[in-house]
Amino acid sequence: HRLGLQRVGDVLRQPRAPLARRFGRELLDALDAV
């Protein structure tokens, strides 16, 4: 939310590498599952 990402589509459009470095496997696993 601090990055201004409110919806799933907002996160899916982001590069995965920065998301992985900042939020770890939890976020990537949730995105892969959905």
All heavy atoms as atom14 arrays in JSON, in Angstrom:
{
  "sequence": "HRLGLQRVGDVLRQPRAPLARRFGRELLDALDAV",
  "atom14_mask": [
    [1, 1, 1, 1, 1, 1, 1, 1, 1, 1, 0, 0, 0, 0],
    [1, 1, 1, 1, 1, 1, 1, 1, 1, 1, 1, 0, 0, 0],
    [1, 1, 1, 1, 1, 1, 1, 1, 0, 0, 0, 0, 0, 0],
    [1, 1, 1, 1, 0, 0, 0, 0, 0, 0, 0, 0, 0, 0],
    [1, 1, 1, 1, 1, 1, 1, 1, 0, 0, 0, 0, 0, 0],
    [1, 1, 1, 1, 1, 1, 1, 1, 1, 0, 0, 0, 0, 0],
    [1, 1, 1, 1, 1, 1, 1, 1, 1, 1, 1, 0, 0, 0],
    [1, 1, 1, 1, 1, 1, 1, 0, 0, 0, 0, 0, 0, 0],
    [1, 1, 1, 1, 0, 0, 0, 0, 0, 0, 0, 0, 0, 0],
    [1, 1, 1, 1, 1, 1, 1, 1, 0, 0, 0, 0, 0, 0],
    [1, 1, 1, 1, 1, 1, 1, 0, 0, 0, 0, 0, 0, 0],
    [1, 1, 1, 1, 1, 1, 1, 1, 0, 0, 0, 0, 0, 0],
    [1, 1, 1, 1, 1, 1, 1, 1, 1, 1, 1, 0, 0, 0],
    [1, 1, 1, 1, 1, 1, 1, 1, 1, 0, 0, 0, 0, 0],
    [1, 1, 1, 1, 1, 1, 1, 0, 0, 0, 0, 0, 0, 0],
    [1, 1, 1, 1, 1, 1, 1, 1, 1, 1, 1, 0, 0, 0],
    [1, 1, 1, 1, 1, 0, 0, 0, 0, 0, 0, 0, 0, 0],
    [1, 1, 1, 1, 1, 1, 1, 0, 0, 0, 0, 0, 0, 0],
    [1, 1, 1, 1, 1, 1, 1, 1, 0, 0, 0, 0, 0, 0],
    [1, 1, 1, 1, 1, 0, 0, 0, 0, 0, 0, 0, 0, 0],
    [1, 1, 1, 1, 1, 1, 1, 1, 1, 1, 1, 0, 0, 0],
    [1, 1, 1, 1, 1, 1, 1, 1, 1, 1, 1, 0, 0, 0],
    [1, 1, 1, 1, 1, 1, 1, 1, 1, 1, 1, 0, 0, 0],
    [1, 1, 1, 1, 0, 0, 0, 0, 0, 0, 0, 0, 0, 0],
    [1, 1, 1, 1, 1, 1, 1, 1, 1, 1, 1, 0, 0, 0],
    [1, 1, 1, 1, 1, 1, 1, 1, 1, 0, 0, 0, 0, 0],
    [1, 1, 1, 1, 1, 1, 1, 1, 0, 0, 0, 0, 0, 0],
    [1, 1, 1, 1, 1, 1, 1, 1, 0, 0, 0, 0, 0, 0],
    [1, 1, 1, 1, 1, 1, 1, 1, 0, 0, 0, 0, 0, 0],
    [1, 1, 1, 1, 1, 0, 0, 0, 0, 0, 0, 0, 0, 0],
    [1, 1, 1, 1, 1, 1, 1, 1, 0, 0, 0, 0, 0, 0],
    [1, 1, 1, 1, 1, 1, 1, 1, 0, 0, 0, 0, 0, 0],
    [1, 1, 1, 1, 1, 0, 0, 0, 0, 0, 0, 0, 0, 0],
    [1, 1, 1, 1, 1, 1, 1, 0, 0, 0, 0, 0, 0, 0]
  ],
  "atom14_positions": [
    [[0.83, -1.21, 0.0], [0.0, 0.0, 0.0], [0.87, 1.26, 0.0], [0.5, 2.27, -0.62], [-0.95, -0.01, 1.2], [-2.02, -1.05, 1.1], [-2.78, -1.47, 2.16], [-2.47, -1.76, 0.03], [-3.65, -2.38, 1.76], [-3.47, -2.58, 0.46], [0.0, 0.0, 0.0], [0.0, 0.0, 0.0], [0.0, 0.0, 0.0], [0.0, 0.0, 0.0]],
    [[1.99, 1.21, 0.68], [2.89, 2.38, 0.67], [3.41, 2.65, -0.74], [3.75, 3.8, -1.07], [4.06, 2.15, 1.63], [3.69, 2.34, 3.1], [4.92, 2.48, 3.97], [5.72, 1.26, 3.96], [5.58, 0.26, 4.82], [4.62, 0.35, 5.77], [6.34, -0.79, 4.77], [0.0, 0.0, 0.0], [0.0, 0.0, 0.0], [0.0, 0.0, 0.0]],
    [[3.49, 1.62, -1.55], [3.92, 1.8, -2.94], [2.77, 2.19, -3.85], [2.95, 2.33, -5.07], [4.56, 0.51, -3.46], [5.85, 0.05, -2.76], [6.29, -1.3, -3.31], [6.96, 1.08, -2.94], [0.0, 0.0, 0.0], [0.0, 0.0, 0.0], [0.0, 0.0, 0.0], [0.0, 0.0, 0.0], [0.0, 0.0, 0.0], [0.0, 0.0, 0.0]],
    [[1.58, 2.35, -3.28], [0.43, 2.73, -4.09], [-0.22, 1.57, -4.81], [-1.03, 1.79, -5.71], [0.0, 0.0, 0.0], [0.0, 0.0, 0.0], [0.0, 0.0, 0.0], [0.0, 0.0, 0.0], [0.0, 0.0, 0.0], [0.0, 0.0, 0.0], [0.0, 0.0, 0.0], [0.0, 0.0, 0.0], [0.0, 0.0, 0.0], [0.0, 0.0, 0.0]],
    [[0.09, 0.35, -4.4], [-0.48, -0.85, -5.03], [-1.66, -1.32, -4.19], [-1.49, -1.72, -3.03], [0.58, -1.96, -5.13], [1.87, -1.57, -5.86], [2.87, -2.71, -5.81], [1.59, -1.16, -7.29], [0.0, 0.0, 0.0], [0.0, 0.0, 0.0], [0.0, 0.0, 0.0], [0.0, 0.0, 0.0], [0.0, 0.0, 0.0], [0.0, 0.0, 0.0]],
    [[-2.85, -1.25, -4.76], [-4.07, -1.57, -4.02], [-4.76, -2.83, -4.51], [-5.47, -3.47, -3.75], [-5.06, -0.38, -4.13], [-4.52, 0.94, -3.62], [-4.27, 0.92, -2.12], [-4.97, 0.25, -1.38], [-3.26, 1.66, -1.67], [0.0, 0.0, 0.0], [0.0, 0.0, 0.0], [0.0, 0.0, 0.0], [0.0, 0.0, 0.0], [0.0, 0.0, 0.0]],
    [[-4.57, -3.18, -5.77], [-5.28, -4.31, -6.35], [-4.3, -5.34, -6.91], [-3.13, -5.04, -7.15], [-6.25, -3.84, -7.43], [-7.26, -2.83, -6.89], [-8.36, -2.53, -7.88], [-9.34, -1.62, -7.29], [-10.34, -1.99, -6.5], [-10.51, -3.28, -6.21], [-11.17, -1.1, -5.99], [0.0, 0.0, 0.0], [0.0, 0.0, 0.0], [0.0, 0.0, 0.0]],
    [[-4.83, -6.54, -7.13], [-3.97, -7.64, -7.59], [-3.36, -7.29, -8.95], [-2.17, -7.54, -9.19], [-4.77, -8.94, -7.68], [-3.92, -10.07, -8.27], [-5.31, -9.34, -6.32], [0.0, 0.0, 0.0], [0.0, 0.0, 0.0], [0.0, 0.0, 0.0], [0.0, 0.0, 0.0], [0.0, 0.0, 0.0], [0.0, 0.0, 0.0], [0.0, 0.0, 0.0]],
    [[-4.15, -6.7, -9.83], [-3.63, -6.34, -11.14], [-2.48, -5.35, -11.06], [-1.56, -5.4, -11.88], [0.0, 0.0, 0.0], [0.0, 0.0, 0.0], [0.0, 0.0, 0.0], [0.0, 0.0, 0.0], [0.0, 0.0, 0.0], [0.0, 0.0, 0.0], [0.0, 0.0, 0.0], [0.0, 0.0, 0.0], [0.0, 0.0, 0.0], [0.0, 0.0, 0.0]],
    [[-2.52, -4.44, -10.07], [-1.42, -3.48, -9.91], [-0.11, -4.21, -9.63], [0.95, -3.83, -10.16], [-1.73, -2.52, -8.75], [-2.99, -1.71, -9.0], [-3.36, -1.55, -10.18], [-3.6, -1.25, -8.02], [0.0, 0.0, 0.0], [0.0, 0.0, 0.0], [0.0, 0.0, 0.0], [0.0, 0.0, 0.0], [0.0, 0.0, 0.0], [0.0, 0.0, 0.0]],
    [[-0.18, -5.25, -8.83], [1.05, -5.98, -8.48], [1.5, -6.86, -9.64], [2.7, -6.99, -9.91], [0.81, -6.83, -7.21], [2.07, -7.59, -6.82], [0.36, -5.94, -6.06], [0.0, 0.0, 0.0], [0.0, 0.0, 0.0], [0.0, 0.0, 0.0], [0.0, 0.0, 0.0], [0.0, 0.0, 0.0], [0.0, 0.0, 0.0], [0.0, 0.0, 0.0]],
    [[0.55, -7.47, -10.34], [0.93, -8.36, -11.44], [1.64, -7.61, -12.56], [2.43, -8.2, -13.31], [-0.32, -9.05, -12.0], [-0.97, -10.11, -11.09], [-2.26, -10.62, -11.7], [0.0, -11.27, -10.84], [0.0, 0.0, 0.0], [0.0, 0.0, 0.0], [0.0, 0.0, 0.0], [0.0, 0.0, 0.0], [0.0, 0.0, 0.0], [0.0, 0.0, 0.0]],
    [[1.39, -6.32, -12.68], [2.05, -5.54, -13.74], [3.44, -5.06, -13.34], [4.13, -4.46, -14.16], [1.17, -4.34, -14.11], [-0.06, -4.72, -14.92], [-0.83, -3.51, -15.41], [-1.57, -2.88, -14.33], [-2.81, -3.21, -13.99], [-3.44, -4.17, -14.65], [-3.43, -2.58, -13.01], [0.0, 0.0, 0.0], [0.0, 0.0, 0.0], [0.0, 0.0, 0.0]],
    [[3.88, -5.35, -12.12], [5.19, -4.92, -11.66], [6.25, -5.97, -11.99], [5.95, -7.16, -12.09], [5.18, -4.68, -10.14], [4.12, -3.7, -9.67], [4.26, -2.35, -10.32], [5.37, -1.79, -10.42], [3.15, -1.79, -10.8], [0.0, 0.0, 0.0], [0.0, 0.0, 0.0], [0.0, 0.0, 0.0], [0.0, 0.0, 0.0], [0.0, 0.0, 0.0]],
    [[7.5, -5.55, -12.17], [8.58, -6.54, -12.37], [8.71, -7.45, -11.14], [8.61, -6.98, -10.0], [9.83, -5.67, -12.56], [9.32, -4.32, -12.91], [7.99, -4.17, -12.25], [0.0, 0.0, 0.0], [0.0, 0.0, 0.0], [0.0, 0.0, 0.0], [0.0, 0.0, 0.0], [0.0, 0.0, 0.0], [0.0, 0.0, 0.0], [0.0, 0.0, 0.0]],
    [[8.93, -8.72, -11.36], [8.97, -9.69, -10.26], [10.24, -9.56, -9.43], [10.2, -9.76, -8.21], [8.86, -11.12, -10.79], [7.47, -11.45, -11.33], [7.45, -12.86, -11.91], [7.7, -13.88, -10.91], [6.75, -14.5, -10.22], [5.49, -14.17, -10.4], [7.06, -15.44, -9.34], [0.0, 0.0, 0.0], [0.0, 0.0, 0.0], [0.0, 0.0, 0.0]],
    [[11.36, -9.25, -10.05], [12.61, -9.23, -9.29], [12.58, -8.22, -8.14], [12.92, -8.57, -7.0], [13.78, -8.95, -10.23], [0.0, 0.0, 0.0], [0.0, 0.0, 0.0], [0.0, 0.0, 0.0], [0.0, 0.0, 0.0], [0.0, 0.0, 0.0], [0.0, 0.0, 0.0], [0.0, 0.0, 0.0], [0.0, 0.0, 0.0], [0.0, 0.0, 0.0]],
    [[12.18, -6.97, -8.37], [12.11, -6.04, -7.23], [11.11, -6.49, -6.17], [11.35, -6.3, -4.97], [11.67, -4.72, -7.89], [12.07, -4.84, -9.3], [11.91, -6.28, -9.63], [0.0, 0.0, 0.0], [0.0, 0.0, 0.0], [0.0, 0.0, 0.0], [0.0, 0.0, 0.0], [0.0, 0.0, 0.0], [0.0, 0.0, 0.0], [0.0, 0.0, 0.0]],
    [[9.99, -7.07, -6.59], [9.02, -7.56, -5.6], [9.61, -8.67, -4.76], [9.4, -8.74, -3.54], [7.76, -8.07, -6.32], [6.89, -7.03, -7.03], [5.75, -7.72, -7.76], [6.34, -6.0, -6.04], [0.0, 0.0, 0.0], [0.0, 0.0, 0.0], [0.0, 0.0, 0.0], [0.0, 0.0, 0.0], [0.0, 0.0, 0.0], [0.0, 0.0, 0.0]],
    [[10.36, -9.57, -5.41], [10.98, -10.67, -4.67], [12.0, -10.16, -3.67], [12.08, -10.66, -2.54], [11.62, -11.66, -5.64], [0.0, 0.0, 0.0], [0.0, 0.0, 0.0], [0.0, 0.0, 0.0], [0.0, 0.0, 0.0], [0.0, 0.0, 0.0], [0.0, 0.0, 0.0], [0.0, 0.0, 0.0], [0.0, 0.0, 0.0], [0.0, 0.0, 0.0]],
    [[12.82, -9.17, -4.06], [13.83, -8.65, -3.14], [13.19, -7.96, -1.94], [13.7, -8.06, -0.82], [14.75, -7.66, -3.87], [15.73, -8.31, -4.82], [16.8, -7.35, -5.24], [16.25, -6.2, -5.96], [16.11, -6.14, -7.29], [16.46, -7.19, -8.02], [15.61, -5.08, -7.87], [0.0, 0.0, 0.0], [0.0, 0.0, 0.0], [0.0, 0.0, 0.0]],
    [[12.06, -7.3, -2.15], [11.47, -6.51, -1.08], [10.5, -7.31, -0.21], [10.46, -7.12, 1.01], [10.73, -5.3, -1.67], [10.16, -4.37, -0.61], [9.92, -3.0, -1.15], [9.47, -2.09, -0.12], [9.31, -0.78, -0.3], [9.6, -0.24, -1.48], [8.89, -0.01, 0.68], [0.0, 0.0, 0.0], [0.0, 0.0, 0.0], [0.0, 0.0, 0.0]],
    [[9.73, -8.22, -0.84], [8.68, -8.91, -0.08], [8.89, -10.42, 0.06], [8.15, -11.08, 0.79], [7.31, -8.67, -0.75], [6.93, -7.22, -0.82], [7.08, -6.49, -2.0], [6.45, -6.56, 0.29], [6.73, -5.15, -2.07], [6.09, -5.22, 0.23], [6.24, -4.51, -0.94], [0.0, 0.0, 0.0], [0.0, 0.0, 0.0], [0.0, 0.0, 0.0]],
    [[9.88, -10.97, -0.62], [10.2, -12.38, -0.45], [9.22, -13.33, -1.13], [8.4, -12.93, -1.97], [0.0, 0.0, 0.0], [0.0, 0.0, 0.0], [0.0, 0.0, 0.0], [0.0, 0.0, 0.0], [0.0, 0.0, 0.0], [0.0, 0.0, 0.0], [0.0, 0.0, 0.0], [0.0, 0.0, 0.0], [0.0, 0.0, 0.0], [0.0, 0.0, 0.0]],
    [[9.31, -14.6, -0.73], [8.52, -15.65, -1.38], [7.03, -15.54, -1.09], [6.21, -16.02, -1.87], [9.0, -17.03, -0.93], [10.38, -17.42, -1.38], [10.51, -17.48, -2.88], [9.38, -18.1, -3.55], [9.23, -18.13, -4.87], [10.12, -17.51, -5.65], [8.2, -18.74, -5.43], [0.0, 0.0, 0.0], [0.0, 0.0, 0.0], [0.0, 0.0, 0.0]],
    [[6.65, -14.95, 0.04], [5.24, -14.9, 0.39], [4.4, -14.27, -0.72], [3.38, -14.84, -1.14], [5.04, -14.11, 1.69], [3.58, -13.96, 2.07], [3.35, -12.95, 3.18], [4.34, -12.33, 3.63], [2.19, -12.77, 3.59], [0.0, 0.0, 0.0], [0.0, 0.0, 0.0], [0.0, 0.0, 0.0], [0.0, 0.0, 0.0], [0.0, 0.0, 0.0]],
    [[4.83, -13.12, -1.2], [4.06, -12.43, -2.23], [4.09, -13.19, -3.55], [3.05, -13.35, -4.22], [4.58, -11.01, -2.41], [3.91, -10.18, -3.51], [2.42, -10.06, -3.25], [4.56, -8.82, -3.64], [0.0, 0.0, 0.0], [0.0, 0.0, 0.0], [0.0, 0.0, 0.0], [0.0, 0.0, 0.0], [0.0, 0.0, 0.0], [0.0, 0.0, 0.0]],
    [[5.26, -13.67, -3.95], [5.37, -14.37, -5.23], [4.55, -15.67, -5.22], [3.91, -16.01, -6.22], [6.83, -14.67, -5.55], [7.73, -13.45, -5.75], [9.12, -13.89, -6.18], [7.15, -12.49, -6.77], [0.0, 0.0, 0.0], [0.0, 0.0, 0.0], [0.0, 0.0, 0.0], [0.0, 0.0, 0.0], [0.0, 0.0, 0.0], [0.0, 0.0, 0.0]],
    [[4.57, -16.38, -4.1], [3.78, -17.62, -4.01], [2.29, -17.31, -4.13], [1.54, -18.05, -4.79], [4.06, -18.34, -2.7], [5.44, -18.98, -2.69], [6.04, -19.11, -3.78], [5.91, -19.34, -1.6], [0.0, 0.0, 0.0], [0.0, 0.0, 0.0], [0.0, 0.0, 0.0], [0.0, 0.0, 0.0], [0.0, 0.0, 0.0], [0.0, 0.0, 0.0]],
    [[1.85, -16.22, -3.49], [0.43, -15.85, -3.57], [0.04, -15.47, -4.99], [-1.04, -15.84, -5.47], [0.14, -14.71, -2.6], [0.0, 0.0, 0.0], [0.0, 0.0, 0.0], [0.0, 0.0, 0.0], [0.0, 0.0, 0.0], [0.0, 0.0, 0.0], [0.0, 0.0, 0.0], [0.0, 0.0, 0.0], [0.0, 0.0, 0.0], [0.0, 0.0, 0.0]],
    [[0.92, -14.75, -5.69], [0.63, -14.36, -7.07], [0.61, -15.58, -7.99], [-0.25, -15.69, -8.87], [1.65, -13.33, -7.55], [1.63, -11.98, -6.83], [2.76, -11.08, -7.36], [0.29, -11.29, -7.0], [0.0, 0.0, 0.0], [0.0, 0.0, 0.0], [0.0, 0.0, 0.0], [0.0, 0.0, 0.0], [0.0, 0.0, 0.0], [0.0, 0.0, 0.0]],
    [[1.57, -16.49, -7.8], [1.6, -17.7, -8.63], [0.35, -18.55, -8.4], [-0.2, -19.14, -9.33], [2.85, -18.52, -8.32], [4.12, -17.86, -8.85], [3.99, -16.99, -9.73], [5.22, -18.21, -8.38], [0.0, 0.0, 0.0], [0.0, 0.0, 0.0], [0.0, 0.0, 0.0], [0.0, 0.0, 0.0], [0.0, 0.0, 0.0], [0.0, 0.0, 0.0]],
    [[-0.1, -18.61, -7.14], [-1.27, -19.41, -6.84], [-2.53, -18.82, -7.48], [-3.34, -19.55, -8.06], [-1.45, -19.53, -5.33], [0.0, 0.0, 0.0], [0.0, 0.0, 0.0], [0.0, 0.0, 0.0], [0.0, 0.0, 0.0], [0.0, 0.0, 0.0], [0.0, 0.0, 0.0], [0.0, 0.0, 0.0], [0.0, 0.0, 0.0], [0.0, 0.0, 0.0]],
    [[-2.7, -17.51, -7.4], [-3.9, -16.9, -7.95], [-3.89, -16.91, -9.47], [-4.94, -16.85, -10.12], [-4.07, -15.47, -7.4], [-3.19, -14.47, -8.15], [-5.52, -15.03, -7.44], [0.0, 0.0, 0.0], [0.0, 0.0, 0.0], [0.0, 0.0, 0.0], [0.0, 0.0, 0.0], [0.0, 0.0, 0.0], [0.0, 0.0, 0.0], [0.0, 0.0, 0.0]]
  ]
}
